Amino acid sequence: MSRLRVCLVYALLVLYAGAAHAYVRTTREGDGAAVAWRSAQIEFELATASIPQGMDPQRVRNAIASALQAWTEVAVPCTSVALRVVSSAEAAPSVARDGVNRMVFRRERWSKNGDPSPFLLYPPQQLAVTSVYVSRVEQSPKLASILEADIELNAVDFSWHEEQGTPRTNTGSDLGVIVRHEIGHALGLEHNCNDGSASGSGLEYCSKASPEVRSATMFPSWLEQNTDQRALGQDERHALCDIYPKLEQQPAANVNVDKAHSTTTSVNPTDARPMRVFIGLALTLLGLGTVLVHQRWLSR
């Protein structure tokens, strides 16, 4: 395997000799270190009170749990990743470096934490925003640890469905498909083609991508073309085994759940390229230096 650093500090493209598979890793701004969780035992907290009317909370949780399981050792035996979702009674929890990995639907205002400020509004074409926090260079010079990840889902501009079987009877965005894609960002993966962002430079354009690239979970437009595909693509399976390999002897469980960085995703039916915003925001909380790496979305 060989690694090619793409666009200075933003991504690493991992190429497999003799294969068409490739994945792109998120890197830390400042030193280009590839980001990853120190502990792959990660818990997400679903704000059940934020679930849109008409959606069954248990089915929503089941759909999310299924999406998470696709990234775990249950589905990919060579990885040590273990993910789970628990319920929270908070109706609209804030997205911040607070030690909790959150999943929340925004129903009243599509903005960061539902804030009315025009400076915090998300573009209406976004389906989801994943905020990922990473340790600062000066605090952790050798290891770019993902510290926390929060996922916000756009229930203002989009309807959602939680059906997992086929054929589908409901219209709307497929919750399981979108969450599965977002979890890839939360684990430190970028889109696998040139979507117009810095991490895509040097890759083939998404609009001209090969069938192999389009079949990957982290392809930004595959969502509307393979809405019934529930398993990870081969590229993502390779990434899990490389970044979070299964160890012969697992270390003792860490009671402090590690958290991730920030990313955003949406579906692109018009083939418009996704936009990406890199935020040089440094935070200090509880003595931990963190940096909000980026936000990403696909345009509908």
Protein backbone atom coordinates (compact mmCIF):
# COMPACT_ATOMS: atom_id res chain seq x y z
CA MET A 1 0.00 0.00 0.00
CA SER A 2 1.29 3.47 -0.73
CA ARG A 3 0.06 6.79 0.65
CA LEU A 4 -0.17 10.03 -1.28
CA ARG A 5 -0.66 13.27 0.62
CA VAL A 6 -3.22 15.39 -1.19
CA CYS A 7 -3.53 19.19 -0.87
CA LEU A 8 -1.04 19.72 1.93
CA VAL A 9 -2.89 19.10 5.17
CA TYR A 10 -6.40 18.15 4.21
CA ALA A 11 -6.39 14.57 3.01
CA LEU A 12 -4.47 11.37 2.44
CA LEU A 13 -5.34 9.21 -0.51
CA VAL A 14 -4.61 5.55 0.10
CA LEU A 15 -4.08 3.54 -3.04
CA TYR A 16 -4.07 -0.22 -3.24
CA ALA A 17 -1.61 -1.84 -5.60
CA GLY A 18 -3.32 -3.85 -8.29
CA ALA A 19 -6.79 -2.66 -7.26
CA ALA A 20 -9.10 0.19 -8.14
CA HIS A 21 -10.05 0.76 -4.50
CA ALA A 22 -9.04 3.98 -2.79
CA TYR A 23 -10.13 5.96 0.23
CA VAL A 24 -9.34 9.48 1.35
CA ARG A 25 -8.56 10.33 4.96
CA THR A 26 -9.21 13.57 6.76
CA THR A 27 -6.06 15.22 8.07
CA ARG A 28 -5.48 17.82 10.74
CA GLU A 29 -4.93 21.40 9.72
CA GLY A 30 -1.49 22.50 10.80
CA ASP A 31 0.55 19.36 10.41
CA GLY A 32 -1.29 17.09 7.98
CA ALA A 33 -1.62 14.24 10.46
CA ALA A 34 -4.37 11.78 9.55
CA VAL A 35 -7.13 11.89 12.15
CA ALA A 36 -8.54 8.86 13.98
CA TRP A 37 -10.20 7.91 17.24
CA ARG A 38 -7.91 6.67 19.99
CA SER A 39 -10.64 4.33 21.14
CA ALA A 40 -12.92 2.81 18.52
CA GLN A 41 -15.64 2.12 21.11
CA ILE A 42 -17.95 5.04 20.31
CA GLU A 43 -21.42 5.93 21.56
CA PHE A 44 -23.86 8.32 19.87
CA GLU A 45 -26.76 9.93 21.71
CA LEU A 46 -29.98 10.32 19.69
CA ALA A 47 -32.29 13.18 20.72
CA THR A 48 -35.56 11.26 20.35
CA ALA A 49 -37.68 14.35 21.07
CA SER A 50 -36.29 15.93 17.89
CA ILE A 51 -37.57 13.14 15.62
CA PRO A 52 -40.04 14.56 13.06
CA GLN A 53 -43.72 13.84 13.46
CA GLY A 54 -44.84 10.80 11.51
CA MET A 55 -41.62 8.89 12.14
CA ASP A 56 -41.64 6.04 14.63
CA PRO A 57 -38.90 6.64 17.26
CA GLN A 58 -38.08 2.94 17.61
CA ARG A 59 -37.79 2.47 13.85
CA VAL A 60 -35.63 5.58 13.66
CA ARG A 61 -33.33 4.18 16.30
CA ASN A 62 -33.27 0.78 14.56
CA ALA A 63 -32.35 2.42 11.23
CA ILE A 64 -29.53 4.36 12.88
CA ALA A 65 -28.30 1.29 14.75
CA SER A 66 -28.22 -0.65 11.46
CA ALA A 67 -26.26 2.16 9.78
CA LEU A 68 -23.75 2.17 12.62
CA GLN A 69 -23.40 -1.60 12.60
CA ALA A 70 -22.24 -1.52 8.97
CA TRP A 71 -19.04 0.15 10.21
CA THR A 72 -18.36 -2.26 13.08
CA GLU A 73 -16.59 -5.55 13.66
CA VAL A 74 -19.98 -7.27 13.35
CA ALA A 75 -20.05 -6.48 9.63
CA VAL A 76 -16.29 -6.10 9.04
CA PRO A 77 -14.47 -8.72 11.15
CA CYS A 78 -11.00 -7.24 10.62
CA THR A 79 -11.82 -3.98 12.45
CA SER A 80 -12.06 -3.13 16.14
CA VAL A 81 -14.75 -0.46 15.66
CA ALA A 82 -17.79 -0.81 17.91
CA LEU A 83 -20.57 1.78 17.66
CA ARG A 84 -23.87 2.11 19.45
CA VAL A 85 -26.74 4.58 19.76
CA VAL A 86 -28.58 5.48 22.95
CA SER A 87 -31.59 7.73 23.48
CA SER A 88 -31.65 11.18 25.03
CA ALA A 89 -34.69 13.14 26.19
CA GLU A 90 -33.23 16.47 25.06
CA ALA A 91 -35.40 18.03 22.36
CA ALA A 92 -32.75 20.21 20.71
CA PRO A 93 -29.33 19.62 22.23
CA SER A 94 -26.50 21.92 21.28
CA VAL A 95 -23.65 20.87 19.04
CA ALA A 96 -20.46 21.74 20.87
CA ARG A 97 -17.31 20.22 22.32
CA ASP A 98 -19.16 18.94 25.37
CA GLY A 99 -18.07 15.32 25.62
CA VAL A 100 -21.17 13.86 23.96
CA ASN A 101 -21.52 12.55 20.39
CA ARG A 102 -24.98 13.72 19.39
CA MET A 103 -27.51 12.97 16.65
CA VAL A 104 -30.34 15.47 16.36
CA PHE A 105 -32.98 16.46 13.81
CA ARG A 106 -33.32 20.22 13.30
CA ARG A 107 -37.02 20.85 12.69
CA GLU A 108 -37.56 24.58 13.23
CA ARG A 109 -34.48 26.23 11.81
CA TRP A 110 -31.69 24.70 9.73
CA SER A 111 -28.73 26.29 11.43
CA LYS A 112 -26.06 25.45 13.97
CA ASN A 113 -27.98 24.58 17.12
CA GLY A 114 -31.12 26.09 15.56
CA ASP A 115 -29.68 29.56 16.12
CA PRO A 116 -31.57 32.40 14.32
CA SER A 117 -28.36 34.26 13.49
CA PRO A 118 -27.89 34.54 9.70
CA PHE A 119 -24.21 33.79 10.24
CA LEU A 120 -25.01 30.33 11.59
CA LEU A 121 -27.54 29.25 8.95
CA TYR A 122 -26.70 26.11 7.00
CA PRO A 123 -27.38 26.07 3.24
CA PRO A 124 -30.86 24.61 2.65
CA GLN A 125 -29.50 21.99 0.23
CA GLN A 126 -27.69 20.25 3.08
CA LEU A 127 -29.21 17.00 4.25
CA ALA A 128 -26.90 16.63 7.21
CA VAL A 129 -23.98 18.26 8.99
CA THR A 130 -21.40 16.29 10.94
CA SER A 131 -19.21 18.37 13.25
CA VAL A 132 -15.94 16.67 14.12
CA TYR A 133 -13.47 17.90 16.72
CA VAL A 134 -9.78 17.01 16.67
CA SER A 135 -6.92 17.59 19.13
CA ARG A 136 -4.77 20.62 18.42
CA VAL A 137 -1.19 20.23 17.20
CA GLU A 138 0.34 21.88 20.26
CA GLN A 139 -1.67 19.67 22.61
CA SER A 140 -1.03 16.42 20.74
CA PRO A 141 1.83 16.85 18.25
CA LYS A 142 2.14 13.19 17.26
CA LEU A 143 -1.46 12.00 17.29
CA ALA A 144 -4.43 13.75 15.63
CA SER A 145 -7.08 12.33 17.91
CA ILE A 146 -10.75 12.65 16.99
CA LEU A 147 -12.38 13.86 20.19
CA GLU A 148 -16.06 14.22 19.34
CA ALA A 149 -18.59 14.03 16.50
CA ASP A 150 -22.09 15.54 16.32
CA ILE A 151 -24.55 14.87 13.50
CA GLU A 152 -27.38 17.29 12.68
CA LEU A 153 -30.13 16.20 10.25
CA ASN A 154 -32.12 18.67 8.17
CA ALA A 155 -35.84 18.16 8.89
CA VAL A 156 -36.66 21.72 7.81
CA ASP A 157 -36.04 21.37 4.08
CA PHE A 158 -36.30 17.58 3.75
CA SER A 159 -38.64 14.80 4.75
CA TRP A 160 -37.20 11.51 5.99
CA HIS A 161 -38.12 7.86 6.11
CA GLU A 162 -36.78 5.06 8.28
CA GLU A 163 -37.75 2.05 6.15
CA GLN A 164 -34.98 -0.51 5.81
CA GLY A 165 -36.62 -3.07 3.55
CA THR A 166 -37.24 -3.08 -0.18
CA PRO A 167 -39.27 -2.10 -2.04
CA ARG A 168 -39.71 1.24 -0.34
CA THR A 169 -43.20 2.65 0.14
CA ASN A 170 -42.26 6.05 1.61
CA THR A 171 -40.75 9.04 -0.11
CA GLY A 172 -38.12 11.26 1.44
CA SER A 173 -34.49 10.91 2.36
CA ASP A 174 -33.31 7.49 3.51
CA LEU A 175 -32.20 7.95 7.11
CA GLY A 176 -30.09 4.81 7.23
CA VAL A 177 -28.23 5.62 4.02
CA ILE A 178 -27.46 9.20 5.03
CA VAL A 179 -26.35 8.28 8.56
CA ARG A 180 -24.11 5.51 7.25
CA HIS A 181 -22.37 8.01 4.96
CA GLU A 182 -22.04 10.54 7.80
CA ILE A 183 -20.49 7.96 10.10
CA GLY A 184 -17.74 7.53 7.54
CA HIS A 185 -16.91 11.23 7.93
CA ALA A 186 -17.09 10.91 11.72
CA LEU A 187 -14.54 8.09 11.56
CA GLY A 188 -12.12 10.25 9.58
CA LEU A 189 -12.93 9.61 5.91
CA GLU A 190 -13.47 12.11 3.10
CA HIS A 191 -15.31 11.81 -0.20
CA ASN A 192 -13.46 9.55 -2.62
CA CYS A 193 -13.58 11.84 -5.65
CA ASN A 194 -13.11 15.50 -6.57
CA ASP A 195 -16.22 17.23 -5.25
CA GLY A 196 -14.74 20.72 -5.51
CA SER A 197 -13.20 20.69 -2.04
CA ALA A 198 -9.53 20.85 -1.15
CA SER A 199 -9.41 17.17 -0.25
CA GLY A 200 -10.65 16.24 -3.71
CA SER A 201 -7.82 17.88 -5.66
CA GLY A 202 -5.91 15.34 -7.68
CA LEU A 203 -8.83 12.90 -7.79
CA GLU A 204 -11.20 12.27 -10.65
CA TYR A 205 -14.27 14.50 -10.69
CA CYS A 206 -17.29 12.98 -9.01
CA SER A 207 -19.43 13.69 -12.10
CA LYS A 208 -17.04 11.59 -14.20
CA ALA A 209 -16.24 8.95 -11.62
CA SER A 210 -15.84 5.31 -12.60
CA PRO A 211 -18.37 2.65 -11.51
CA GLU A 212 -15.86 1.44 -8.91
CA VAL A 213 -15.64 4.89 -7.33
CA ARG A 214 -19.40 5.39 -7.51
CA SER A 215 -20.04 2.13 -5.71
CA ALA A 216 -18.19 3.32 -2.59
CA THR A 217 -20.06 4.42 0.53
CA MET A 218 -18.09 7.68 0.61
CA PHE A 219 -18.97 8.63 -2.96
CA PRO A 220 -20.97 11.87 -2.47
CA SER A 221 -23.68 11.13 -5.03
CA TRP A 222 -24.09 7.38 -4.68
CA LEU A 223 -26.86 7.85 -2.15
CA GLU A 224 -29.63 8.45 -4.68
CA GLN A 225 -28.36 5.76 -7.02
CA ASN A 226 -27.94 2.89 -4.57
CA THR A 227 -30.58 3.65 -1.95
CA ASP A 228 -31.12 -0.05 -1.21
CA GLN A 229 -27.44 -0.86 -0.66
CA ARG A 230 -26.88 -1.39 3.06
CA ALA A 231 -23.37 -2.87 3.23
CA LEU A 232 -20.17 -0.85 3.05
CA GLY A 233 -18.22 -0.66 -0.16
CA GLN A 234 -14.88 -2.41 -0.42
CA ASP A 235 -12.98 0.87 -0.09
CA GLU A 236 -14.54 1.58 3.27
CA ARG A 237 -13.92 -1.96 4.48
CA HIS A 238 -10.24 -1.54 3.57
CA ALA A 239 -10.18 1.78 5.44
CA LEU A 240 -11.65 0.25 8.60
CA CYS A 241 -9.11 -2.57 8.62
CA ASP A 242 -6.19 -0.19 7.97
CA ILE A 243 -7.12 2.60 10.39
CA TYR A 244 -8.86 0.59 13.11
CA PRO A 245 -7.47 -2.94 12.81
CA LYS A 246 -8.66 -5.70 15.07
CA LEU A 247 -6.04 -6.43 17.67
CA GLU A 248 -5.17 -9.82 19.05
CA GLN A 249 -5.68 -8.52 22.54
CA GLN A 250 -7.96 -5.52 23.02
CA PRO A 251 -6.86 -2.90 25.57
CA ALA A 252 -8.96 -2.31 28.67
CA ALA A 253 -12.17 -0.45 27.94
CA ASN A 254 -11.90 3.33 28.34
CA VAL A 255 -14.76 4.74 30.38
CA ASN A 256 -14.30 8.11 28.68
CA VAL A 257 -15.88 7.78 25.25
CA ASP A 258 -13.71 9.41 22.60
CA LYS A 259 -15.40 11.89 20.27
CA ALA A 260 -14.86 12.91 16.66
CA HIS A 261 -14.46 15.96 14.36
CA SER A 262 -16.89 17.72 12.04
CA THR A 263 -18.23 16.99 8.58
CA THR A 264 -21.51 17.38 6.72
CA THR A 265 -23.31 15.46 3.99
CA SER A 266 -26.29 15.73 1.69
CA VAL A 267 -27.47 14.18 -1.58
CA ASN A 268 -26.59 15.67 -4.95
CA PRO A 269 -29.30 14.86 -7.53
CA THR A 270 -28.44 17.87 -9.71
CA ASP A 271 -24.76 16.87 -9.89
CA ALA A 272 -23.81 20.21 -8.33
CA ARG A 273 -20.51 19.95 -6.54
CA PRO A 274 -20.58 19.93 -2.73
CA MET A 275 -19.18 22.93 -0.94
CA ARG A 276 -16.75 22.73 1.92
CA VAL A 277 -15.96 25.24 4.63
CA PHE A 278 -12.78 24.95 6.68
CA ILE A 279 -13.01 26.71 10.01
CA GLY A 280 -9.88 27.69 11.88
CA LEU A 281 -11.61 27.66 15.23
CA ALA A 282 -9.57 26.70 18.29
CA LEU A 283 -11.35 25.76 21.49
CA THR A 284 -10.13 25.02 24.98
CA LEU A 285 -12.49 23.03 27.17
CA LEU A 286 -11.69 21.16 30.35
CA GLY A 287 -8.02 21.53 29.56
CA LEU A 288 -8.35 19.78 26.18
CA GLY A 289 -7.18 21.67 23.12
CA THR A 290 -9.44 20.97 20.15
CA VAL A 291 -9.93 22.27 16.66
CA LEU A 292 -13.07 22.07 14.54
CA VAL A 293 -11.67 20.62 11.35
CA HIS A 294 -14.32 21.22 8.71
CA GLN A 295 -17.89 20.96 7.59
CA ARG A 296 -18.98 19.23 4.42
CA TRP A 297 -22.24 18.81 2.57
CA LEU A 298 -23.57 17.63 -0.75
CA SER A 299 -25.88 19.92 -2.68
CA ARG A 300 -29.36 18.92 -3.67
